[in-house]
Amino acid sequence: MMIGFEEFKKMDIRIASITNVQDHPDADKLYLITAEIGKGTDGAKTEKTFVAGIKKYYTKEELIGKQIVVLTNLEPAVIRGVTSDCMLLAASDKDKKNLAVITTDKTIDIGSKVS
């Protein structure tokens, strides 16, 4: 399915920094991840919490502090009883033996828009 540029511009894709990772209370393969996604109009840090099925590929320690790419304006979804407020972007190979979280190759301001 092809989308036009106007559709793409509706997506709010930003650089975030993972601040907390917890085991999902009701799913063995999922993490609850909290990430700073920028600053609000008042200058305070803005965070979102989301569910990610990446536990098989990353330890909590590997994720803390990592700069990642997230889709921030995805409609919230309840996943196994927990509300997920955004989506972490990742890539996996065909057989899903490997998964890589999309990260930055150098440090950039948290909240920077991906375009």
N, C-alpha and C. Protein backbone atom coordinates (compact mmCIF):
# COMPACT_ATOMS: atom_id res chain seq x y z
N MET A 1 0.84 -1.18 0.00
CA MET A 1 0.00 0.00 0.00
C MET A 1 0.89 1.24 0.00
N MET A 2 0.61 2.12 -0.89
CA MET A 2 1.36 3.38 -1.00
C MET A 2 0.60 4.47 -0.23
N ILE A 3 1.37 5.36 0.40
CA ILE A 3 0.76 6.53 1.03
C ILE A 3 1.40 7.76 0.42
N GLY A 4 0.65 8.82 0.39
CA GLY A 4 1.19 10.08 -0.12
C GLY A 4 2.00 10.80 0.93
N PHE A 5 2.73 11.81 0.48
CA PHE A 5 3.56 12.59 1.38
C PHE A 5 2.72 13.28 2.45
N GLU A 6 1.53 13.72 2.12
CA GLU A 6 0.66 14.38 3.10
C GLU A 6 0.30 13.40 4.23
N GLU A 7 0.08 12.14 3.89
CA GLU A 7 -0.20 11.12 4.91
C GLU A 7 1.03 10.93 5.80
N PHE A 8 2.21 10.84 5.17
CA PHE A 8 3.45 10.66 5.93
C PHE A 8 3.66 11.81 6.91
N LYS A 9 3.38 13.03 6.49
CA LYS A 9 3.59 14.19 7.35
C LYS A 9 2.71 14.17 8.59
N LYS A 10 1.65 13.38 8.58
CA LYS A 10 0.78 13.27 9.75
C LYS A 10 1.43 12.47 10.88
N MET A 11 2.43 11.66 10.54
CA MET A 11 3.11 10.84 11.55
C MET A 11 4.10 11.71 12.32
N ASP A 12 4.03 11.64 13.63
CA ASP A 12 4.96 12.38 14.48
C ASP A 12 6.02 11.40 14.98
N ILE A 13 7.12 11.31 14.23
CA ILE A 13 8.21 10.41 14.55
C ILE A 13 9.32 11.22 15.18
N ARG A 14 9.74 10.81 16.38
CA ARG A 14 10.70 11.60 17.15
C ARG A 14 11.78 10.73 17.77
N ILE A 15 12.85 11.40 18.17
CA ILE A 15 13.93 10.75 18.92
C ILE A 15 13.54 10.77 20.39
N ALA A 16 13.66 9.62 21.03
CA ALA A 16 13.33 9.49 22.45
C ALA A 16 14.51 8.85 23.17
N SER A 17 14.50 8.94 24.49
CA SER A 17 15.54 8.30 25.30
C SER A 17 14.85 7.43 26.36
N ILE A 18 15.22 6.17 26.38
CA ILE A 18 14.60 5.23 27.33
C ILE A 18 15.08 5.54 28.74
N THR A 19 14.10 5.75 29.63
CA THR A 19 14.42 6.08 31.02
C THR A 19 14.11 4.95 31.99
N ASN A 20 13.22 4.02 31.60
CA ASN A 20 12.84 2.94 32.50
C ASN A 20 12.34 1.76 31.68
N VAL A 21 12.68 0.55 32.14
CA VAL A 21 12.21 -0.68 31.51
C VAL A 21 11.77 -1.63 32.61
N GLN A 22 10.54 -2.14 32.48
CA GLN A 22 10.01 -3.09 33.45
C GLN A 22 9.43 -4.28 32.70
N ASP A 23 9.37 -5.41 33.38
CA ASP A 23 8.67 -6.56 32.82
C ASP A 23 7.18 -6.25 32.78
N HIS A 24 6.52 -6.67 31.72
CA HIS A 24 5.06 -6.53 31.66
C HIS A 24 4.47 -7.44 32.73
N PRO A 25 3.50 -6.98 33.52
CA PRO A 25 2.98 -7.80 34.61
C PRO A 25 2.18 -9.02 34.14
N ASP A 26 1.79 -9.03 32.86
CA ASP A 26 0.90 -10.10 32.40
C ASP A 26 1.35 -10.74 31.09
N ALA A 27 2.65 -10.60 30.74
CA ALA A 27 3.13 -11.18 29.49
C ALA A 27 4.64 -11.41 29.58
N ASP A 28 5.07 -12.62 29.32
CA ASP A 28 6.48 -12.99 29.44
C ASP A 28 7.38 -12.38 28.39
N LYS A 29 6.87 -12.04 27.21
CA LYS A 29 7.71 -11.56 26.11
C LYS A 29 7.72 -10.04 25.96
N LEU A 30 7.01 -9.35 26.85
CA LEU A 30 6.84 -7.90 26.69
C LEU A 30 7.53 -7.11 27.80
N TYR A 31 7.99 -5.92 27.41
CA TYR A 31 8.48 -4.94 28.37
C TYR A 31 7.51 -3.76 28.40
N LEU A 32 7.48 -3.09 29.54
CA LEU A 32 6.87 -1.77 29.66
C LEU A 32 8.04 -0.79 29.65
N ILE A 33 8.06 0.08 28.66
CA ILE A 33 9.17 1.01 28.50
C ILE A 33 8.67 2.44 28.67
N THR A 34 9.40 3.22 29.45
CA THR A 34 9.13 4.64 29.58
C THR A 34 10.27 5.38 28.90
N ALA A 35 9.89 6.36 28.06
CA ALA A 35 10.91 7.11 27.34
C ALA A 35 10.58 8.59 27.37
N GLU A 36 11.62 9.40 27.52
CA GLU A 36 11.46 10.85 27.39
C GLU A 36 11.35 11.15 25.90
N ILE A 37 10.34 11.94 25.52
CA ILE A 37 10.13 12.23 24.10
C ILE A 37 10.29 13.71 23.79
N GLY A 38 10.75 14.48 24.74
CA GLY A 38 10.96 15.91 24.52
C GLY A 38 10.51 16.71 25.72
N LYS A 39 10.26 17.98 25.47
CA LYS A 39 9.81 18.89 26.53
C LYS A 39 8.49 19.51 26.13
N GLY A 40 7.62 19.68 27.12
CA GLY A 40 6.34 20.32 26.88
C GLY A 40 6.50 21.82 26.74
N THR A 41 5.40 22.50 26.51
CA THR A 41 5.43 23.95 26.36
C THR A 41 5.91 24.65 27.62
N ASP A 42 5.77 23.98 28.77
CA ASP A 42 6.23 24.56 30.04
C ASP A 42 7.70 24.24 30.33
N GLY A 43 8.36 23.51 29.41
CA GLY A 43 9.77 23.17 29.58
C GLY A 43 10.00 21.89 30.35
N ALA A 44 8.93 21.29 30.87
CA ALA A 44 9.07 20.05 31.63
C ALA A 44 9.24 18.87 30.67
N LYS A 45 9.98 17.88 31.12
CA LYS A 45 10.18 16.67 30.32
C LYS A 45 8.84 15.99 30.06
N THR A 46 8.67 15.51 28.85
CA THR A 46 7.47 14.75 28.48
C THR A 46 7.87 13.30 28.29
N GLU A 47 7.15 12.41 28.94
CA GLU A 47 7.44 10.98 28.82
C GLU A 47 6.21 10.23 28.34
N LYS A 48 6.46 9.12 27.69
CA LYS A 48 5.39 8.20 27.29
C LYS A 48 5.81 6.81 27.71
N THR A 49 4.81 6.00 28.03
CA THR A 49 5.05 4.61 28.37
C THR A 49 4.39 3.75 27.31
N PHE A 50 5.10 2.72 26.90
CA PHE A 50 4.57 1.85 25.85
C PHE A 50 5.00 0.42 26.08
N VAL A 51 4.29 -0.48 25.42
CA VAL A 51 4.56 -1.90 25.50
C VAL A 51 5.36 -2.29 24.26
N ALA A 52 6.41 -3.09 24.45
CA ALA A 52 7.23 -3.53 23.32
C ALA A 52 7.58 -5.00 23.46
N GLY A 53 7.41 -5.74 22.40
CA GLY A 53 7.71 -7.17 22.39
C GLY A 53 9.15 -7.44 22.01
N ILE A 54 10.08 -6.91 22.78
CA ILE A 54 11.50 -7.02 22.43
C ILE A 54 12.31 -7.72 23.53
N LYS A 55 11.65 -8.32 24.49
CA LYS A 55 12.33 -8.93 25.62
C LYS A 55 13.28 -10.06 25.20
N LYS A 56 12.94 -10.76 24.15
CA LYS A 56 13.76 -11.86 23.63
C LYS A 56 15.10 -11.35 23.08
N TYR A 57 15.15 -10.08 22.69
CA TYR A 57 16.30 -9.54 21.98
C TYR A 57 17.17 -8.60 22.80
N TYR A 58 16.61 -8.01 23.86
CA TYR A 58 17.34 -7.00 24.64
C TYR A 58 17.11 -7.21 26.13
N THR A 59 18.16 -6.98 26.91
CA THR A 59 17.99 -6.95 28.36
C THR A 59 17.55 -5.54 28.74
N LYS A 60 17.04 -5.39 29.92
CA LYS A 60 16.66 -4.07 30.43
C LYS A 60 17.86 -3.13 30.43
N GLU A 61 18.99 -3.67 30.86
CA GLU A 61 20.21 -2.86 30.97
C GLU A 61 20.69 -2.34 29.61
N GLU A 62 20.50 -3.12 28.58
CA GLU A 62 20.89 -2.68 27.23
C GLU A 62 20.02 -1.53 26.73
N LEU A 63 18.80 -1.44 27.22
CA LEU A 63 17.86 -0.45 26.73
C LEU A 63 17.93 0.89 27.46
N ILE A 64 18.20 0.87 28.75
CA ILE A 64 18.21 2.10 29.54
C ILE A 64 19.23 3.09 28.94
N GLY A 65 18.77 4.31 28.68
CA GLY A 65 19.64 5.36 28.15
C GLY A 65 19.77 5.36 26.63
N LYS A 66 19.25 4.35 25.98
CA LYS A 66 19.37 4.25 24.51
C LYS A 66 18.48 5.29 23.85
N GLN A 67 19.02 5.98 22.85
CA GLN A 67 18.21 6.89 22.03
C GLN A 67 17.54 6.04 20.94
N ILE A 68 16.23 6.16 20.86
CA ILE A 68 15.45 5.35 19.92
C ILE A 68 14.55 6.24 19.08
N VAL A 69 13.90 5.63 18.11
CA VAL A 69 12.95 6.32 17.25
C VAL A 69 11.56 5.81 17.61
N VAL A 70 10.62 6.75 17.88
CA VAL A 70 9.26 6.36 18.24
C VAL A 70 8.23 7.14 17.42
N LEU A 71 7.11 6.49 17.20
CA LEU A 71 5.95 7.14 16.60
C LEU A 71 5.08 7.60 17.76
N THR A 72 5.00 8.93 17.97
CA THR A 72 4.37 9.45 19.19
C THR A 72 2.87 9.69 19.07
N ASN A 73 2.35 9.81 17.86
CA ASN A 73 0.93 10.14 17.74
C ASN A 73 0.08 8.97 17.28
N LEU A 74 0.53 7.77 17.59
CA LEU A 74 -0.27 6.58 17.33
C LEU A 74 -1.38 6.51 18.38
N GLU A 75 -2.56 6.14 17.95
CA GLU A 75 -3.68 6.02 18.89
C GLU A 75 -3.30 5.02 19.99
N PRO A 76 -3.50 5.38 21.27
CA PRO A 76 -3.15 4.45 22.35
C PRO A 76 -3.90 3.13 22.21
N ALA A 77 -3.22 2.05 22.62
CA ALA A 77 -3.81 0.71 22.58
C ALA A 77 -3.59 0.05 23.93
N VAL A 78 -4.53 -0.77 24.34
CA VAL A 78 -4.38 -1.53 25.57
C VAL A 78 -3.83 -2.91 25.18
N ILE A 79 -2.64 -3.22 25.68
CA ILE A 79 -1.98 -4.48 25.34
C ILE A 79 -1.80 -5.30 26.61
N ARG A 80 -2.55 -6.37 26.69
CA ARG A 80 -2.54 -7.25 27.87
C ARG A 80 -2.79 -6.45 29.14
N GLY A 81 -3.77 -5.53 29.07
CA GLY A 81 -4.20 -4.78 30.24
C GLY A 81 -3.43 -3.51 30.53
N VAL A 82 -2.43 -3.17 29.69
CA VAL A 82 -1.62 -1.97 29.91
C VAL A 82 -1.76 -1.05 28.70
N THR A 83 -1.96 0.25 28.96
CA THR A 83 -2.08 1.21 27.87
C THR A 83 -0.70 1.54 27.31
N SER A 84 -0.60 1.45 25.99
CA SER A 84 0.65 1.77 25.28
C SER A 84 0.41 3.06 24.52
N ASP A 85 1.21 4.10 24.82
CA ASP A 85 0.97 5.46 24.32
C ASP A 85 1.73 5.82 23.04
N CYS A 86 2.67 5.01 22.62
CA CYS A 86 3.39 5.28 21.38
C CYS A 86 4.00 3.96 20.89
N MET A 87 4.76 4.02 19.82
CA MET A 87 5.35 2.80 19.28
C MET A 87 6.83 2.99 18.99
N LEU A 88 7.62 2.09 19.53
CA LEU A 88 9.05 2.02 19.24
C LEU A 88 9.21 1.43 17.84
N LEU A 89 10.13 1.98 17.05
CA LEU A 89 10.37 1.45 15.72
C LEU A 89 11.55 0.49 15.76
N ALA A 90 11.39 -0.65 15.09
CA ALA A 90 12.42 -1.68 15.06
C ALA A 90 12.32 -2.42 13.73
N ALA A 91 13.35 -3.17 13.42
CA ALA A 91 13.37 -3.99 12.21
C ALA A 91 13.74 -5.41 12.60
N SER A 92 13.15 -6.38 11.89
CA SER A 92 13.50 -7.77 12.13
C SER A 92 13.72 -8.47 10.81
N ASP A 93 14.51 -9.54 10.86
CA ASP A 93 14.72 -10.30 9.64
C ASP A 93 13.50 -11.19 9.36
N LYS A 94 13.51 -11.86 8.21
CA LYS A 94 12.34 -12.63 7.77
C LYS A 94 11.88 -13.65 8.78
N ASP A 95 12.80 -14.36 9.38
CA ASP A 95 12.42 -15.43 10.31
C ASP A 95 12.34 -14.96 11.76
N LYS A 96 12.51 -13.67 11.98
CA LYS A 96 12.40 -13.03 13.30
C LYS A 96 13.41 -13.57 14.31
N LYS A 97 14.54 -14.08 13.81
CA LYS A 97 15.60 -14.51 14.72
C LYS A 97 16.37 -13.32 15.27
N ASN A 98 16.40 -12.25 14.51
CA ASN A 98 17.10 -11.03 14.93
C ASN A 98 16.15 -9.85 14.86
N LEU A 99 16.32 -8.94 15.79
CA LEU A 99 15.54 -7.71 15.83
C LEU A 99 16.46 -6.59 16.25
N ALA A 100 16.32 -5.45 15.60
CA ALA A 100 17.14 -4.28 15.96
C ALA A 100 16.23 -3.09 16.18
N VAL A 101 16.34 -2.49 17.36
CA VAL A 101 15.64 -1.26 17.65
C VAL A 101 16.30 -0.17 16.83
N ILE A 102 15.51 0.70 16.21
CA ILE A 102 16.05 1.80 15.41
C ILE A 102 16.59 2.86 16.37
N THR A 103 17.88 3.15 16.22
CA THR A 103 18.56 4.10 17.10
C THR A 103 19.25 5.17 16.26
N THR A 104 19.84 6.13 16.93
CA THR A 104 20.61 7.17 16.25
C THR A 104 22.08 6.75 16.19
N ASP A 105 22.79 7.25 15.19
CA ASP A 105 24.21 6.92 15.11
C ASP A 105 25.08 7.92 15.87
N LYS A 106 24.47 9.02 16.32
CA LYS A 106 25.15 9.95 17.22
C LYS A 106 24.08 10.63 18.08
N THR A 107 24.51 11.22 19.17
CA THR A 107 23.58 11.84 20.10
C THR A 107 22.93 13.06 19.45
N ILE A 108 21.63 13.15 19.64
CA ILE A 108 20.84 14.28 19.12
C ILE A 108 19.83 14.66 20.19
N ASP A 109 19.33 15.87 20.15
CA ASP A 109 18.38 16.33 21.17
C ASP A 109 17.16 15.42 21.22
N ILE A 110 16.77 15.07 22.46
CA ILE A 110 15.55 14.30 22.67
C ILE A 110 14.38 15.14 22.16
N GLY A 111 13.47 14.49 21.45
CA GLY A 111 12.31 15.19 20.90
C GLY A 111 12.52 15.67 19.48
N SER A 112 13.76 15.52 18.94
CA SER A 112 14.01 15.92 17.56
C SER A 112 13.08 15.17 16.63
N LYS A 113 12.51 15.88 15.67
CA LYS A 113 11.56 15.27 14.74
C LYS A 113 12.31 14.57 13.63
N VAL A 114 11.84 13.37 13.29
CA VAL A 114 12.39 12.60 12.18
C VAL A 114 11.59 12.99 10.94
N SER A 115 12.30 13.36 9.89
CA SER A 115 11.61 13.74 8.65
C SER A 115 12.38 13.25 7.45
